[in-house]
C-alpha atoms as a PDB file:
ATOM      1  CA  ARG A   1      16.826 -22.300 -18.318  1.00  0.00           C
ATOM      2  CA  ALA A   2      17.196 -21.576 -14.653  1.00  0.00           C
ATOM      3  CA  PRO A   3      20.500 -22.680 -13.134  1.00  0.00           C
ATOM      4  CA  PHE A   4      20.576 -25.669 -10.837  1.00  0.00           C
ATOM      5  CA  ILE A   5      21.057 -25.115  -7.138  1.00  0.00           C
ATOM      6  CA  ALA A   6      21.168 -27.595  -4.287  1.00  0.00           C
ATOM      7  CA  GLY A   7      17.934 -29.500  -4.336  1.00  0.00           C
ATOM      8  CA  GLY A   8      16.501 -28.185  -7.610  1.00  0.00           C
ATOM      9  CA  LEU A   9      16.125 -25.214  -9.889  1.00  0.00           C
ATOM     10  CA  ALA A  10      16.883 -21.671  -8.853  1.00  0.00           C
ATOM     11  CA  PRO A  11      13.790 -19.472  -8.776  1.00  0.00           C
ATOM     12  CA  ARG A  12      13.449 -17.136 -11.735  1.00  0.00           C
ATOM     13  CA  LEU A  13      13.063 -14.055  -9.581  1.00  0.00           C
ATOM     14  CA  HIS A  14      15.698 -12.114 -11.467  1.00  0.00           C
ATOM     15  CA  SER A  15      14.247 -12.501 -14.934  1.00  0.00           C
ATOM     16  CA  PRO A  16      14.333  -9.577 -17.382  1.00  0.00           C
ATOM     17  CA  ALA A  17      10.566  -9.136 -16.992  1.00  0.00           C
ATOM     18  CA  LEU A  18      10.852  -8.811 -13.225  1.00  0.00           C
ATOM     19  CA  ARG A  19      13.758  -6.382 -13.547  1.00  0.00           C
ATOM     20  CA  ARG A  20      11.635  -4.223 -15.879  1.00  0.00           C
ATOM     21  CA  LYS A  21       8.735  -4.328 -13.453  1.00  0.00           C
ATOM     22  CA  THR A  22      11.046  -3.517 -10.544  1.00  0.00           C
ATOM     23  CA  ARG A  23      12.390  -0.468 -12.374  1.00  0.00           C
ATOM     24  CA  PHE A  24       8.812   0.540 -13.178  1.00  0.00           C
ATOM     25  CA  MET A  25       7.852   0.098  -9.524  1.00  0.00           C
ATOM     26  CA  ALA A  26      10.794   2.233  -8.405  1.00  0.00           C
ATOM     27  CA  LYS A  27       9.718   4.996 -10.786  1.00  0.00           C
ATOM     28  CA  THR A  28       6.096   4.820  -9.778  1.00  0.00           C
ATOM     29  CA  SER A  29       6.599   4.576  -6.013  1.00  0.00           C
ATOM     30  CA  ASP A  30       7.085   8.346  -6.013  1.00  0.00           C
ATOM     31  CA  ASP A  31       3.677   8.781  -7.629  1.00  0.00           C
ATOM     32  CA  ILE A  32       2.034   6.977  -4.710  1.00  0.00           C
ATOM     33  CA  ALA A  33       2.987   9.812  -2.362  1.00  0.00           C
ATOM     34  CA  LYS A  34       1.072  12.207  -4.632  1.00  0.00           C
ATOM     35  CA  LEU A  35      -2.122  10.135  -4.788  1.00  0.00           C
ATOM     36  CA  PRO A  36      -5.166  11.320  -2.868  1.00  0.00           C
ATOM     37  CA  PHE A  37      -6.540   8.771  -0.423  1.00  0.00           C
ATOM     38  CA  GLU A  38      -9.548   7.778  -2.536  1.00  0.00           C
ATOM     39  CA  LYS A  39      -7.458   7.057  -5.654  1.00  0.00           C
ATOM     40  CA  ALA A  40      -4.852   5.122  -3.676  1.00  0.00           C
ATOM     41  CA  LEU A  41      -7.556   3.025  -2.017  1.00  0.00           C
ATOM     42  CA  SER A  42      -9.269   2.378  -5.352  1.00  0.00           C
ATOM     43  CA  GLU A  43      -5.999   1.231  -6.925  1.00  0.00           C
ATOM     44  CA  LEU A  44      -5.298  -0.975  -3.913  1.00  0.00           C
ATOM     45  CA  GLU A  45      -8.739  -2.582  -4.250  1.00  0.00           C
ATOM     46  CA  ASN A  46      -8.062  -3.266  -7.948  1.00  0.00           C
ATOM     47  CA  ILE A  47      -4.725  -4.870  -7.099  1.00  0.00           C
ATOM     48  CA  VAL A  48      -6.363  -7.097  -4.483  1.00  0.00           C
ATOM     49  CA  GLN A  49      -8.940  -8.223  -7.057  1.00  0.00           C
ATOM     50  CA  GLN A  50      -6.199  -9.005  -9.577  1.00  0.00           C
ATOM     51  CA  LEU A  51      -4.207 -11.004  -7.044  1.00  0.00           C
ATOM     52  CA  GLU A  52      -7.266 -12.866  -5.772  1.00  0.00           C
ATOM     53  CA  SER A  53      -8.235 -13.847  -9.317  1.00  0.00           C
ATOM     54  CA  GLY A  54      -4.929 -15.692  -9.711  1.00  0.00           C
ATOM     55  CA  ALA A  55      -4.779 -14.707 -13.382  1.00  0.00           C
ATOM     56  CA  ALA A  56      -1.529 -12.727 -13.177  1.00  0.00           C
ATOM     57  CA  PRO A  57       1.753 -14.568 -13.780  1.00  0.00           C
ATOM     58  CA  LEU A  58       4.044 -14.960 -10.757  1.00  0.00           C
ATOM     59  CA  GLU A  59       6.374 -12.089 -11.633  1.00  0.00           C
ATOM     60  CA  GLU A  60       3.490  -9.713 -12.236  1.00  0.00           C
ATOM     61  CA  SER A  61       1.853 -10.872  -9.004  1.00  0.00           C
ATOM     62  CA  ILE A  62       5.027 -10.019  -7.095  1.00  0.00           C
ATOM     63  CA  ALA A  63       5.128  -6.544  -8.618  1.00  0.00           C
ATOM     64  CA  LEU A  64       1.422  -6.042  -7.903  1.00  0.00           C
ATOM     65  CA  TYR A  65       1.883  -7.198  -4.307  1.00  0.00           C
ATOM     66  CA  GLU A  66       4.765  -4.759  -3.790  1.00  0.00           C
ATOM     67  CA  ARG A  67       2.767  -1.853  -5.203  1.00  0.00           C
ATOM     68  CA  GLY A  68      -0.203  -2.897  -3.091  1.00  0.00           C
ATOM     69  CA  ALA A  69       1.957  -2.894   0.038  1.00  0.00           C
ATOM     70  CA  ALA A  70       3.182   0.618  -0.802  1.00  0.00           C
ATOM     71  CA  LEU A  71      -0.380   1.802  -1.435  1.00  0.00           C
ATOM     72  CA  LYS A  72      -1.545   0.285   1.865  1.00  0.00           C
ATOM     73  CA  ALA A  73       1.253   2.043   3.749  1.00  0.00           C
ATOM     74  CA  HIS A  74       0.327   5.319   2.053  1.00  0.00           C
ATOM     75  CA  CYS A  75      -3.357   4.925   2.948  1.00  0.00           C
ATOM     76  CA  ASP A  76      -2.477   3.980   6.548  1.00  0.00           C
ATOM     77  CA  ALA A  77      -0.278   7.078   6.885  1.00  0.00           C
ATOM     78  CA  MET A  78      -3.004   9.330   5.502  1.00  0.00           C
ATOM     79  CA  LEU A  79      -5.595   7.852   7.874  1.00  0.00           C
ATOM     80  CA  LYS A  80      -3.274   8.266  10.851  1.00  0.00           C
ATOM     81  CA  SER A  81      -2.648  11.876   9.884  1.00  0.00           C
ATOM     82  CA  ALA A  82      -6.382  12.520   9.604  1.00  0.00           C
ATOM     83  CA  GLN A  83      -7.025  10.823  12.948  1.00  0.00           C
ATOM     84  CA  GLU A  84      -4.465  13.064  14.628  1.00  0.00           C
ATOM     85  CA  LYS A  85      -6.307  16.131  13.328  1.00  0.00           C
ATOM     86  CA  ILE A  86      -9.698  15.127  14.679  1.00  0.00           C
ATOM     87  CA  ASP A  87     -10.812  16.941  17.807  1.00  0.00           C
ATOM     88  CA  LYS A  88     -13.624  15.998  20.099  1.00  0.00           C
ATOM     89  CA  ILE A  89     -15.933  18.749  21.349  1.00  0.00           C
ATOM     90  CA  VAL A  90     -16.749  18.375  25.029  1.00  0.00           C
ATOM     91  CA  VAL A  91     -18.685  20.360  27.600  1.00  0.00           C
ATOM     92  CA  ALA A  92     -16.480  21.491  30.480  1.00  0.00           C
ATOM     93  CA  GLU A  93     -17.706  21.393  34.104  1.00  0.00           C
ATOM     94  CA  ASN A  94     -18.529  25.107  33.946  1.00  0.00           C
ATOM     95  CA  GLY A  95     -20.753  24.536  30.883  1.00  0.00           C
ATOM     96  CA  THR A  96     -18.401  25.960  28.275  1.00  0.00           C
ATOM     97  CA  LEU A  97     -17.368  24.085  25.184  1.00  0.00           C
ATOM     98  CA  LYS A  98     -13.797  23.023  24.584  1.00  0.00           C
ATOM     99  CA  THR A  99     -11.959  20.608  22.330  1.00  0.00           C
ATOM    100  CA  GLU A 100      -9.833  17.606  23.212  1.00  0.00           C
ATOM    101  CA  ASP A 101      -7.890  15.200  21.102  1.00  0.00           C
ATOM    102  CA  ALA A 102     -10.140  12.377  20.053  1.00  0.00           C
ATOM    103  CA  LYS A 103      -9.054   9.001  21.336  1.00  0.00           C
ATOM    104  CA  LEU A 104     -10.116   6.746  18.485  1.00  0.00           C
ATOM    105  CA  ASP A 105      -8.029   3.696  19.348  1.00  0.00           C
END
């Protein structure tokens, strides 16, 4: 049973199952940094589908959400890095070609 707190029951956010999932998430957060963009995005899409279905229990949903947030941050960082590497080819006034940083924002 969850202990009583002012106004009702304490949330069961520190259950053994959540602690196991949290340890698992801590171990696997390092693997996210090694994922290529396409695999990270695919896993993120799967997590979104799982969360949208509402089938996962609360504790699992929390763990999925946290992993999804980490995957999203990883994908965002990879996209930003790629964007910074993109150059735009332009024709200078004298007719020669040169490159400039692309302004994609």
